[in-house]
Amino acid sequence: MSVLDTAKDVVEIIRKIDNIELYKKILDLHGEIVKVYEENTTLKQKVQSLQDTLRIKNALEYNQNCYWLQTDQGKDGPFCVHCWDTEQKLVRLHQGQAHWWCLTHRQQFRISVP
């Protein structure tokens, strides 16, 4: 049983006792519990996002004006330096005739793929 379920049960029991003042206090407490629960969920999501970003950052290698992601299968990429450095987004570069392009901000790169 979760904290929220327990709080709901307590609210119902207090309602049956018919003590209005106690019932109002318990409802206030229940509201605070819900806020803390929601904040906790939000913070857990932020922590996970930061951990994911750090994991990617540690796996990136800068080479030939772009980023390469080191994976268990080898190198993946190339990825745009500007997009990662400014927004922490891995944006894959696309090969043109003479250059590689970031389609997000229309930047071209001269690289040779290993």
N, C-alpha and C. Protein backbone atom coordinates (compact mmCIF):
# COMPACT_ATOMS: atom_id res chain seq x y z
N MET A 1 0.85 -1.18 0.00
CA MET A 1 0.00 0.00 0.00
C MET A 1 0.89 1.24 0.00
N SER A 2 0.58 2.18 -0.88
CA SER A 2 1.39 3.39 -1.00
C SER A 2 1.02 4.41 0.07
N VAL A 3 1.85 5.41 0.20
CA VAL A 3 1.60 6.50 1.15
C VAL A 3 0.29 7.20 0.82
N LEU A 4 0.04 7.40 -0.48
CA LEU A 4 -1.21 8.07 -0.88
C LEU A 4 -2.43 7.22 -0.52
N ASP A 5 -2.34 5.92 -0.71
CA ASP A 5 -3.46 5.04 -0.35
C ASP A 5 -3.71 5.08 1.16
N THR A 6 -2.64 5.04 1.94
CA THR A 6 -2.77 5.11 3.40
C THR A 6 -3.40 6.43 3.82
N ALA A 7 -2.96 7.53 3.20
CA ALA A 7 -3.52 8.84 3.54
C ALA A 7 -5.01 8.89 3.21
N LYS A 8 -5.40 8.31 2.08
CA LYS A 8 -6.83 8.29 1.72
C LYS A 8 -7.63 7.49 2.75
N ASP A 9 -7.08 6.37 3.19
CA ASP A 9 -7.77 5.56 4.21
C ASP A 9 -7.94 6.35 5.50
N VAL A 10 -6.90 7.08 5.91
CA VAL A 10 -6.98 7.88 7.14
C VAL A 10 -8.04 8.96 6.99
N VAL A 11 -8.10 9.61 5.83
CA VAL A 11 -9.11 10.65 5.58
C VAL A 11 -10.51 10.05 5.72
N GLU A 12 -10.70 8.87 5.17
CA GLU A 12 -12.03 8.23 5.25
C GLU A 12 -12.40 7.87 6.70
N ILE A 13 -11.43 7.37 7.45
CA ILE A 13 -11.69 7.02 8.86
C ILE A 13 -12.04 8.27 9.66
N ILE A 14 -11.30 9.35 9.46
CA ILE A 14 -11.56 10.61 10.18
C ILE A 14 -12.93 11.16 9.79
N ARG A 15 -13.32 11.02 8.54
CA ARG A 15 -14.64 11.49 8.10
C ARG A 15 -15.74 10.75 8.86
N LYS A 16 -15.54 9.45 9.07
CA LYS A 16 -16.54 8.64 9.77
C LYS A 16 -16.64 9.02 11.26
N ILE A 17 -15.54 9.48 11.84
CA ILE A 17 -15.55 9.90 13.25
C ILE A 17 -16.39 11.16 13.41
N ASP A 18 -16.52 11.93 12.35
CA ASP A 18 -17.35 13.14 12.33
C ASP A 18 -16.76 14.27 13.16
N ASN A 19 -15.43 14.41 13.10
CA ASN A 19 -14.75 15.52 13.74
C ASN A 19 -14.27 16.44 12.61
N ILE A 20 -15.02 17.50 12.35
CA ILE A 20 -14.78 18.38 11.21
C ILE A 20 -13.39 19.01 11.26
N GLU A 21 -12.98 19.49 12.42
CA GLU A 21 -11.68 20.15 12.55
C GLU A 21 -10.54 19.16 12.22
N LEU A 22 -10.62 17.97 12.77
CA LEU A 22 -9.61 16.95 12.49
C LEU A 22 -9.65 16.54 11.02
N TYR A 23 -10.85 16.42 10.47
CA TYR A 23 -11.02 16.07 9.07
C TYR A 23 -10.35 17.12 8.16
N LYS A 24 -10.53 18.40 8.46
CA LYS A 24 -9.90 19.46 7.65
C LYS A 24 -8.38 19.39 7.74
N LYS A 25 -7.84 19.14 8.94
CA LYS A 25 -6.39 19.04 9.11
C LYS A 25 -5.83 17.85 8.31
N ILE A 26 -6.54 16.74 8.35
CA ILE A 26 -6.09 15.56 7.61
C ILE A 26 -6.15 15.82 6.11
N LEU A 27 -7.19 16.52 5.66
CA LEU A 27 -7.27 16.86 4.23
C LEU A 27 -6.09 17.76 3.82
N ASP A 28 -5.74 18.72 4.67
CA ASP A 28 -4.58 19.57 4.40
C ASP A 28 -3.30 18.72 4.32
N LEU A 29 -3.16 17.81 5.25
CA LEU A 29 -2.00 16.92 5.26
C LEU A 29 -1.96 16.07 3.99
N HIS A 30 -3.11 15.57 3.60
CA HIS A 30 -3.20 14.77 2.38
C HIS A 30 -2.75 15.58 1.16
N GLY A 31 -3.19 16.84 1.09
CA GLY A 31 -2.77 17.72 0.00
C GLY A 31 -1.27 17.92 -0.04
N GLU A 32 -0.67 18.08 1.13
CA GLU A 32 0.79 18.25 1.21
C GLU A 32 1.51 16.97 0.79
N ILE A 33 0.95 15.83 1.18
CA ILE A 33 1.55 14.55 0.78
C ILE A 33 1.54 14.41 -0.74
N VAL A 34 0.43 14.78 -1.35
CA VAL A 34 0.32 14.71 -2.81
C VAL A 34 1.37 15.61 -3.46
N LYS A 35 1.54 16.83 -2.95
CA LYS A 35 2.55 17.76 -3.50
C LYS A 35 3.95 17.17 -3.39
N VAL A 36 4.28 16.61 -2.22
CA VAL A 36 5.62 16.02 -2.01
C VAL A 36 5.82 14.83 -2.94
N TYR A 37 4.79 14.02 -3.10
CA TYR A 37 4.86 12.86 -3.99
C TYR A 37 5.12 13.30 -5.43
N GLU A 38 4.40 14.32 -5.89
CA GLU A 38 4.58 14.83 -7.26
C GLU A 38 5.97 15.44 -7.44
N GLU A 39 6.43 16.19 -6.44
CA GLU A 39 7.77 16.79 -6.51
C GLU A 39 8.84 15.70 -6.54
N ASN A 40 8.66 14.67 -5.75
CA ASN A 40 9.60 13.56 -5.73
C ASN A 40 9.67 12.88 -7.11
N THR A 41 8.52 12.67 -7.73
CA THR A 41 8.47 12.07 -9.05
C THR A 41 9.20 12.95 -10.07
N THR A 42 8.95 14.25 -10.02
CA THR A 42 9.61 15.18 -10.93
C THR A 42 11.12 15.17 -10.73
N LEU A 43 11.57 15.17 -9.49
CA LEU A 43 13.00 15.16 -9.20
C LEU A 43 13.65 13.85 -9.66
N LYS A 44 12.97 12.74 -9.50
CA LYS A 44 13.50 11.46 -9.99
C LYS A 44 13.68 11.49 -11.51
N GLN A 45 12.72 12.09 -12.21
CA GLN A 45 12.82 12.19 -13.67
C GLN A 45 14.00 13.09 -14.06
N LYS A 46 14.21 14.19 -13.34
CA LYS A 46 15.33 15.08 -13.63
C LYS A 46 16.67 14.39 -13.37
N VAL A 47 16.75 13.64 -12.28
CA VAL A 47 17.97 12.90 -11.97
C VAL A 47 18.28 11.90 -13.08
N GLN A 48 17.25 11.18 -13.54
CA GLN A 48 17.44 10.19 -14.61
C GLN A 48 17.93 10.88 -15.88
N SER A 49 17.34 12.02 -16.20
CA SER A 49 17.74 12.77 -17.39
C SER A 49 19.20 13.23 -17.29
N LEU A 50 19.58 13.73 -16.12
CA LEU A 50 20.97 14.17 -15.93
C LEU A 50 21.94 12.99 -15.99
N GLN A 51 21.54 11.85 -15.45
CA GLN A 51 22.39 10.66 -15.51
C GLN A 51 22.56 10.20 -16.97
N ASP A 52 21.49 10.26 -17.74
CA ASP A 52 21.56 9.89 -19.16
C ASP A 52 22.48 10.83 -19.92
N THR A 53 22.36 12.12 -19.65
CA THR A 53 23.22 13.11 -20.31
C THR A 53 24.68 12.90 -19.95
N LEU A 54 24.96 12.63 -18.69
CA LEU A 54 26.33 12.39 -18.24
C LEU A 54 26.90 11.12 -18.88
N ARG A 55 26.09 10.08 -18.98
CA ARG A 55 26.53 8.84 -19.61
C ARG A 55 26.92 9.09 -21.07
N ILE A 56 26.11 9.85 -21.78
CA ILE A 56 26.40 10.17 -23.17
C ILE A 56 27.65 11.03 -23.26
N LYS A 57 27.74 12.05 -22.41
CA LYS A 57 28.91 12.95 -22.41
C LYS A 57 30.20 12.17 -22.23
N ASN A 58 30.19 11.21 -21.32
CA ASN A 58 31.38 10.42 -21.06
C ASN A 58 31.73 9.47 -22.21
N ALA A 59 30.75 9.17 -23.05
CA ALA A 59 30.98 8.26 -24.17
C ALA A 59 31.30 9.00 -25.48
N LEU A 60 31.25 10.34 -25.45
CA LEU A 60 31.53 11.11 -26.67
C LEU A 60 33.02 11.35 -26.85
N GLU A 61 33.43 11.31 -28.10
CA GLU A 61 34.81 11.61 -28.46
C GLU A 61 34.78 12.68 -29.55
N TYR A 62 35.52 13.76 -29.33
CA TYR A 62 35.61 14.82 -30.33
C TYR A 62 36.72 14.47 -31.30
N ASN A 63 36.40 14.44 -32.59
CA ASN A 63 37.39 14.10 -33.61
C ASN A 63 36.90 14.65 -34.95
N GLN A 64 37.77 15.36 -35.65
CA GLN A 64 37.48 15.90 -36.98
C GLN A 64 36.27 16.84 -36.97
N ASN A 65 36.22 17.72 -36.00
CA ASN A 65 35.17 18.74 -35.90
C ASN A 65 33.77 18.18 -35.68
N CYS A 66 33.67 16.99 -35.12
CA CYS A 66 32.37 16.43 -34.80
C CYS A 66 32.52 15.46 -33.62
N TYR A 67 31.40 14.98 -33.13
CA TYR A 67 31.43 14.02 -32.03
C TYR A 67 31.13 12.62 -32.56
N TRP A 68 31.77 11.66 -31.92
CA TRP A 68 31.55 10.25 -32.18
C TRP A 68 31.18 9.61 -30.85
N LEU A 69 30.18 8.77 -30.86
CA LEU A 69 29.72 8.10 -29.65
C LEU A 69 30.36 6.72 -29.59
N GLN A 70 31.07 6.47 -28.49
CA GLN A 70 31.70 5.16 -28.29
C GLN A 70 30.64 4.21 -27.71
N THR A 71 30.37 3.11 -28.41
CA THR A 71 29.40 2.12 -27.94
C THR A 71 30.08 0.77 -27.85
N ASP A 72 29.37 -0.20 -27.34
CA ASP A 72 29.91 -1.56 -27.27
C ASP A 72 30.15 -2.12 -28.67
N GLN A 73 29.42 -1.63 -29.67
CA GLN A 73 29.57 -2.09 -31.04
C GLN A 73 30.61 -1.30 -31.82
N GLY A 74 31.19 -0.27 -31.22
CA GLY A 74 32.18 0.57 -31.90
C GLY A 74 31.74 2.02 -31.91
N LYS A 75 32.25 2.77 -32.89
CA LYS A 75 31.91 4.20 -32.99
C LYS A 75 30.58 4.38 -33.71
N ASP A 76 29.82 5.36 -33.22
CA ASP A 76 28.57 5.75 -33.86
C ASP A 76 28.67 7.25 -34.13
N GLY A 77 28.19 7.67 -35.26
CA GLY A 77 28.24 9.09 -35.58
C GLY A 77 28.48 9.29 -37.05
N PRO A 78 28.83 10.45 -37.43
CA PRO A 78 29.20 11.63 -36.63
C PRO A 78 27.97 12.41 -36.16
N PHE A 79 28.19 13.18 -35.06
CA PHE A 79 27.15 14.01 -34.48
C PHE A 79 27.61 15.46 -34.44
N CYS A 80 26.65 16.37 -34.51
CA CYS A 80 26.93 17.81 -34.55
C CYS A 80 27.46 18.31 -33.21
N VAL A 81 28.59 19.00 -33.28
CA VAL A 81 29.22 19.58 -32.09
C VAL A 81 28.35 20.69 -31.52
N HIS A 82 27.87 21.56 -32.37
CA HIS A 82 27.07 22.70 -31.91
C HIS A 82 25.80 22.23 -31.18
N CYS A 83 25.11 21.26 -31.74
CA CYS A 83 23.86 20.79 -31.14
C CYS A 83 24.10 20.15 -29.78
N TRP A 84 25.20 19.38 -29.65
CA TRP A 84 25.48 18.78 -28.35
C TRP A 84 25.95 19.83 -27.35
N ASP A 85 26.87 20.69 -27.77
CA ASP A 85 27.45 21.65 -26.84
C ASP A 85 26.44 22.69 -26.35
N THR A 86 25.45 23.02 -27.15
CA THR A 86 24.50 24.05 -26.75
C THR A 86 23.21 23.49 -26.15
N GLU A 87 22.77 22.31 -26.61
CA GLU A 87 21.47 21.80 -26.18
C GLU A 87 21.52 20.36 -25.66
N GLN A 88 22.69 19.76 -25.63
CA GLN A 88 22.86 18.36 -25.22
C GLN A 88 21.94 17.44 -26.03
N LYS A 89 21.89 17.71 -27.35
CA LYS A 89 21.13 16.86 -28.27
C LYS A 89 22.10 16.21 -29.24
N LEU A 90 21.98 14.90 -29.38
CA LEU A 90 22.79 14.20 -30.37
C LEU A 90 22.07 14.27 -31.71
N VAL A 91 22.58 15.13 -32.58
CA VAL A 91 21.99 15.30 -33.90
C VAL A 91 22.97 14.72 -34.92
N ARG A 92 22.51 13.68 -35.61
CA ARG A 92 23.36 13.00 -36.58
C ARG A 92 23.60 13.90 -37.79
N LEU A 93 24.86 13.94 -38.23
CA LEU A 93 25.20 14.68 -39.44
C LEU A 93 24.82 13.84 -40.66
N HIS A 94 24.42 14.53 -41.73
CA HIS A 94 24.00 13.87 -42.96
C HIS A 94 25.01 14.19 -44.06
N GLN A 95 25.33 13.19 -44.85
CA GLN A 95 26.37 13.35 -45.86
C GLN A 95 25.80 13.98 -47.12
N GLY A 96 26.49 15.05 -47.57
CA GLY A 96 26.19 15.67 -48.84
C GLY A 96 27.25 15.26 -49.85
N GLN A 97 27.37 15.99 -50.94
CA GLN A 97 28.35 15.63 -51.97
C GLN A 97 29.78 15.89 -51.50
N ALA A 98 30.01 17.05 -50.90
CA ALA A 98 31.38 17.39 -50.49
C ALA A 98 31.51 17.62 -48.99
N HIS A 99 30.42 17.65 -48.29
CA HIS A 99 30.43 17.95 -46.85
C HIS A 99 29.40 17.09 -46.11
N TRP A 100 29.53 17.13 -44.81
CA TRP A 100 28.50 16.59 -43.94
C TRP A 100 27.70 17.78 -43.41
N TRP A 101 26.39 17.61 -43.23
CA TRP A 101 25.52 18.70 -42.83
C TRP A 101 24.75 18.38 -41.56
N CYS A 102 24.60 19.40 -40.73
CA CYS A 102 23.65 19.32 -39.63
C CYS A 102 22.36 19.96 -40.13
N LEU A 103 21.32 19.18 -40.24
CA LEU A 103 20.06 19.70 -40.77
C LEU A 103 19.33 20.60 -39.78
N THR A 104 19.72 20.54 -38.51
CA THR A 104 19.06 21.36 -37.50
C THR A 104 19.40 22.83 -37.68
N HIS A 105 20.67 23.15 -37.85
CA HIS A 105 21.04 24.56 -37.97
C HIS A 105 21.81 24.84 -39.27
N ARG A 106 21.77 23.92 -40.21
CA ARG A 106 22.33 24.09 -41.57
C ARG A 106 23.82 24.37 -41.58
N GLN A 107 24.54 23.76 -40.67
CA GLN A 107 25.99 23.92 -40.60
C GLN A 107 26.63 22.79 -41.40
N GLN A 108 27.68 23.12 -42.15
CA GLN A 108 28.39 22.08 -42.89
C GLN A 108 29.73 21.77 -42.23
N PHE A 109 30.17 20.53 -42.40
CA PHE A 109 31.41 20.06 -41.80
C PHE A 109 32.21 19.30 -42.84
N ARG A 110 33.52 19.50 -42.82
CA ARG A 110 34.42 18.69 -43.64
C ARG A 110 35.05 17.65 -42.72
N ILE A 111 34.69 16.41 -42.96
CA ILE A 111 35.27 15.33 -42.17
C ILE A 111 35.51 14.14 -43.07
N SER A 112 36.39 13.27 -42.65
CA SER A 112 36.55 12.00 -43.34
C SER A 112 36.12 10.92 -42.35
N VAL A 113 35.24 10.07 -42.78
CA VAL A 113 34.70 9.04 -41.90
C VAL A 113 35.70 7.91 -41.78
N PRO A 114 36.01 7.49 -40.53
CA PRO A 114 36.97 6.41 -40.35
C PRO A 114 36.45 5.09 -40.88
